[in-house]
Amino acid sequence: MADQWTLADLEPEQLRLIDETEHELPGNVVLVFAPTRWGTVDETTIDAEGLHPVELAPDQLARLQEVERRVGGVAVAYRLDVTD
């Protein structure tokens, strides 16, 4: 049973959907994760990249859940902290 996470391998059409979603939701990054036996992504990795989950309104959460259904992964909206 998979209990770890990795970034999902998405097709070009799915990547376009993610790009559209990033422009519709607060934050500026949407990542899609897939379960795996050997994880490559964890909370420490995400924090080290300056990514922070954003709080979504119910309609925004519904949009993200629709994206999950269409790409077959777990989608999370993040805010990327950009420093000079």
N, C-alpha and C. Protein backbone atom coordinates (compact mmCIF):
# COMPACT_ATOMS: atom_id res chain seq x y z
N MET A 1 0.84 -1.19 0.00
CA MET A 1 0.00 0.00 0.00
C MET A 1 0.89 1.25 0.00
N ALA A 2 0.53 2.21 -0.81
CA ALA A 2 1.29 3.46 -0.90
C ALA A 2 0.95 4.36 0.28
N ASP A 3 1.98 4.83 0.95
CA ASP A 3 1.74 5.76 2.05
C ASP A 3 2.68 6.96 2.00
N GLN A 4 3.31 7.14 0.85
CA GLN A 4 4.19 8.27 0.60
C GLN A 4 3.67 9.03 -0.62
N TRP A 5 4.28 10.19 -0.90
CA TRP A 5 3.81 11.03 -2.00
C TRP A 5 4.95 11.45 -2.90
N THR A 6 4.62 11.60 -4.16
CA THR A 6 5.55 12.13 -5.15
C THR A 6 4.76 13.08 -6.06
N LEU A 7 5.46 13.92 -6.80
CA LEU A 7 4.77 14.77 -7.76
C LEU A 7 4.20 13.90 -8.87
N ALA A 8 2.97 14.16 -9.24
CA ALA A 8 2.30 13.37 -10.27
C ALA A 8 2.92 13.63 -11.63
N ASP A 9 2.96 12.62 -12.44
CA ASP A 9 3.43 12.72 -13.83
C ASP A 9 2.22 13.06 -14.69
N LEU A 10 2.14 14.30 -15.14
CA LEU A 10 0.95 14.77 -15.85
C LEU A 10 1.20 14.90 -17.34
N GLU A 11 0.14 14.68 -18.09
CA GLU A 11 0.15 14.86 -19.55
C GLU A 11 0.05 16.36 -19.86
N PRO A 12 0.43 16.78 -21.08
CA PRO A 12 0.36 18.20 -21.44
C PRO A 12 -1.02 18.84 -21.21
N GLU A 13 -2.08 18.13 -21.54
CA GLU A 13 -3.43 18.67 -21.33
C GLU A 13 -3.71 18.88 -19.84
N GLN A 14 -3.24 17.98 -19.02
CA GLN A 14 -3.42 18.12 -17.57
C GLN A 14 -2.60 19.29 -17.03
N LEU A 15 -1.40 19.48 -17.57
CA LEU A 15 -0.57 20.62 -17.17
C LEU A 15 -1.23 21.94 -17.53
N ARG A 16 -1.89 22.00 -18.68
CA ARG A 16 -2.62 23.22 -19.06
C ARG A 16 -3.75 23.48 -18.08
N LEU A 17 -4.44 22.44 -17.64
CA LEU A 17 -5.50 22.58 -16.65
C LEU A 17 -4.94 23.12 -15.34
N ILE A 18 -3.80 22.64 -14.92
CA ILE A 18 -3.17 23.12 -13.69
C ILE A 18 -2.79 24.59 -13.85
N ASP A 19 -2.25 24.96 -15.00
CA ASP A 19 -1.89 26.35 -15.25
C ASP A 19 -3.12 27.26 -15.15
N GLU A 20 -4.22 26.85 -15.74
CA GLU A 20 -5.47 27.63 -15.65
C GLU A 20 -5.92 27.75 -14.20
N THR A 21 -5.84 26.66 -13.48
CA THR A 21 -6.28 26.64 -12.08
C THR A 21 -5.42 27.57 -11.23
N GLU A 22 -4.12 27.63 -11.50
CA GLU A 22 -3.23 28.52 -10.74
C GLU A 22 -3.66 29.97 -10.89
N HIS A 23 -4.22 30.33 -12.04
CA HIS A 23 -4.67 31.70 -12.25
C HIS A 23 -6.04 31.98 -11.63
N GLU A 24 -6.80 30.94 -11.31
CA GLU A 24 -8.14 31.09 -10.76
C GLU A 24 -8.17 31.09 -9.23
N LEU A 25 -7.19 30.48 -8.61
CA LEU A 25 -7.20 30.32 -7.16
C LEU A 25 -6.23 31.27 -6.49
N PRO A 26 -6.45 31.55 -5.19
CA PRO A 26 -5.45 32.34 -4.47
C PRO A 26 -4.15 31.54 -4.38
N GLY A 27 -3.09 32.22 -4.08
CA GLY A 27 -1.78 31.59 -4.12
C GLY A 27 -1.27 31.69 -5.54
N ASN A 28 -0.20 30.99 -5.84
CA ASN A 28 0.33 31.10 -7.19
C ASN A 28 0.90 29.78 -7.72
N VAL A 29 0.71 28.71 -6.97
CA VAL A 29 1.22 27.40 -7.39
C VAL A 29 0.20 26.33 -7.02
N VAL A 30 -0.09 25.44 -7.95
CA VAL A 30 -0.89 24.25 -7.65
C VAL A 30 -0.02 23.05 -7.97
N LEU A 31 0.21 22.21 -6.97
CA LEU A 31 0.97 20.98 -7.17
C LEU A 31 0.02 19.81 -7.11
N VAL A 32 0.31 18.79 -7.90
CA VAL A 32 -0.50 17.57 -7.91
C VAL A 32 0.40 16.42 -7.46
N PHE A 33 -0.07 15.70 -6.46
CA PHE A 33 0.67 14.60 -5.89
C PHE A 33 0.01 13.27 -6.22
N ALA A 34 0.84 12.23 -6.30
CA ALA A 34 0.36 10.87 -6.51
C ALA A 34 0.95 9.98 -5.42
N PRO A 35 0.19 8.99 -4.97
CA PRO A 35 0.73 8.08 -3.96
C PRO A 35 1.81 7.18 -4.55
N THR A 36 2.75 6.81 -3.73
CA THR A 36 3.85 5.95 -4.16
C THR A 36 4.38 5.18 -2.95
N ARG A 37 5.10 4.13 -3.20
CA ARG A 37 5.70 3.37 -2.11
C ARG A 37 6.91 4.10 -1.54
N TRP A 38 7.63 4.83 -2.40
CA TRP A 38 8.82 5.54 -1.97
C TRP A 38 8.64 7.02 -2.26
N GLY A 39 8.31 7.77 -1.26
CA GLY A 39 7.98 9.17 -1.45
C GLY A 39 9.18 10.03 -1.76
N THR A 40 8.93 11.07 -2.53
CA THR A 40 9.96 12.06 -2.84
C THR A 40 9.56 13.44 -2.35
N VAL A 41 8.36 13.55 -1.82
CA VAL A 41 7.86 14.85 -1.36
C VAL A 41 7.30 14.69 0.05
N ASP A 42 7.69 15.58 0.92
CA ASP A 42 7.12 15.61 2.26
C ASP A 42 7.02 17.06 2.72
N GLU A 43 6.49 17.27 3.89
CA GLU A 43 6.27 18.63 4.39
C GLU A 43 7.57 19.42 4.47
N THR A 44 8.65 18.78 4.85
CA THR A 44 9.94 19.45 4.94
C THR A 44 10.41 19.94 3.58
N THR A 45 10.23 19.11 2.56
CA THR A 45 10.61 19.48 1.19
C THR A 45 9.81 20.69 0.72
N ILE A 46 8.50 20.67 0.97
CA ILE A 46 7.63 21.76 0.55
C ILE A 46 8.01 23.05 1.27
N ASP A 47 8.24 22.98 2.58
CA ASP A 47 8.63 24.16 3.35
C ASP A 47 9.95 24.73 2.86
N ALA A 48 10.89 23.85 2.53
CA ALA A 48 12.21 24.30 2.07
C ALA A 48 12.12 25.06 0.76
N GLU A 49 11.10 24.78 -0.03
CA GLU A 49 10.90 25.47 -1.31
C GLU A 49 10.16 26.79 -1.14
N GLY A 50 9.79 27.14 0.09
CA GLY A 50 9.07 28.39 0.33
C GLY A 50 7.60 28.34 -0.04
N LEU A 51 7.02 27.14 -0.03
CA LEU A 51 5.61 26.96 -0.38
C LEU A 51 4.76 26.82 0.88
N HIS A 52 3.61 27.50 0.89
CA HIS A 52 2.71 27.46 2.03
C HIS A 52 1.29 27.24 1.52
N PRO A 53 0.58 26.22 2.05
CA PRO A 53 -0.79 25.98 1.59
C PRO A 53 -1.66 27.21 1.82
N VAL A 54 -2.57 27.47 0.89
CA VAL A 54 -3.48 28.61 1.02
C VAL A 54 -4.86 28.11 1.46
N GLU A 55 -5.54 28.95 2.20
CA GLU A 55 -6.90 28.64 2.62
C GLU A 55 -7.84 28.95 1.46
N LEU A 56 -8.75 28.03 1.19
CA LEU A 56 -9.67 28.20 0.06
C LEU A 56 -11.11 28.34 0.55
N ALA A 57 -11.87 29.16 -0.15
CA ALA A 57 -13.31 29.27 0.07
C ALA A 57 -13.96 27.99 -0.45
N PRO A 58 -15.18 27.69 -0.02
CA PRO A 58 -15.83 26.45 -0.47
C PRO A 58 -15.90 26.29 -1.99
N ASP A 59 -16.19 27.36 -2.73
CA ASP A 59 -16.26 27.24 -4.19
C ASP A 59 -14.87 27.00 -4.80
N GLN A 60 -13.84 27.57 -4.18
CA GLN A 60 -12.48 27.34 -4.65
C GLN A 60 -12.05 25.91 -4.37
N LEU A 61 -12.43 25.40 -3.21
CA LEU A 61 -12.12 24.01 -2.87
C LEU A 61 -12.82 23.06 -3.83
N ALA A 62 -14.06 23.36 -4.19
CA ALA A 62 -14.79 22.54 -5.15
C ALA A 62 -14.06 22.54 -6.50
N ARG A 63 -13.53 23.68 -6.91
CA ARG A 63 -12.77 23.77 -8.17
C ARG A 63 -11.53 22.88 -8.09
N LEU A 64 -10.82 22.92 -6.98
CA LEU A 64 -9.63 22.11 -6.82
C LEU A 64 -9.98 20.62 -6.81
N GLN A 65 -11.09 20.27 -6.20
CA GLN A 65 -11.52 18.87 -6.18
C GLN A 65 -11.89 18.38 -7.59
N GLU A 66 -12.45 19.26 -8.40
CA GLU A 66 -12.74 18.91 -9.79
C GLU A 66 -11.44 18.66 -10.56
N VAL A 67 -10.44 19.49 -10.29
CA VAL A 67 -9.13 19.30 -10.91
C VAL A 67 -8.56 17.94 -10.50
N GLU A 68 -8.67 17.59 -9.24
CA GLU A 68 -8.17 16.30 -8.76
C GLU A 68 -8.83 15.15 -9.53
N ARG A 69 -10.12 15.25 -9.71
CA ARG A 69 -10.84 14.21 -10.44
C ARG A 69 -10.33 14.09 -11.87
N ARG A 70 -10.05 15.22 -12.48
CA ARG A 70 -9.64 15.22 -13.89
C ARG A 70 -8.20 14.77 -14.11
N VAL A 71 -7.33 14.99 -13.11
CA VAL A 71 -5.92 14.61 -13.29
C VAL A 71 -5.57 13.32 -12.55
N GLY A 72 -6.46 12.85 -11.67
CA GLY A 72 -6.20 11.61 -10.97
C GLY A 72 -5.13 11.71 -9.90
N GLY A 73 -5.08 12.84 -9.22
CA GLY A 73 -4.10 13.03 -8.15
C GLY A 73 -4.67 13.92 -7.08
N VAL A 74 -3.87 14.23 -6.09
CA VAL A 74 -4.26 15.13 -5.01
C VAL A 74 -3.65 16.50 -5.30
N ALA A 75 -4.50 17.50 -5.48
CA ALA A 75 -4.04 18.85 -5.82
C ALA A 75 -4.06 19.73 -4.59
N VAL A 76 -3.02 20.53 -4.44
CA VAL A 76 -2.90 21.46 -3.32
C VAL A 76 -2.49 22.83 -3.87
N ALA A 77 -3.20 23.86 -3.42
CA ALA A 77 -2.86 25.24 -3.80
C ALA A 77 -1.88 25.80 -2.78
N TYR A 78 -0.80 26.37 -3.28
CA TYR A 78 0.24 26.94 -2.44
C TYR A 78 0.50 28.39 -2.81
N ARG A 79 1.07 29.11 -1.85
CA ARG A 79 1.61 30.45 -2.08
C ARG A 79 3.13 30.28 -2.03
N LEU A 80 3.80 30.76 -3.05
CA LEU A 80 5.26 30.70 -3.09
C LEU A 80 5.82 32.01 -2.57
N ASP A 81 6.64 31.92 -1.53
CA ASP A 81 7.30 33.11 -1.01
C ASP A 81 8.50 33.41 -1.89
N VAL A 82 8.49 34.58 -2.49
CA VAL A 82 9.57 34.99 -3.37
C VAL A 82 10.39 36.05 -2.66
N THR A 83 11.70 35.78 -2.57
CA THR A 83 12.60 36.75 -1.95
C THR A 83 13.65 37.15 -2.96
N ASP A 84 14.13 38.36 -2.81
CA ASP A 84 15.17 38.84 -3.73
C ASP A 84 16.52 38.30 -3.37
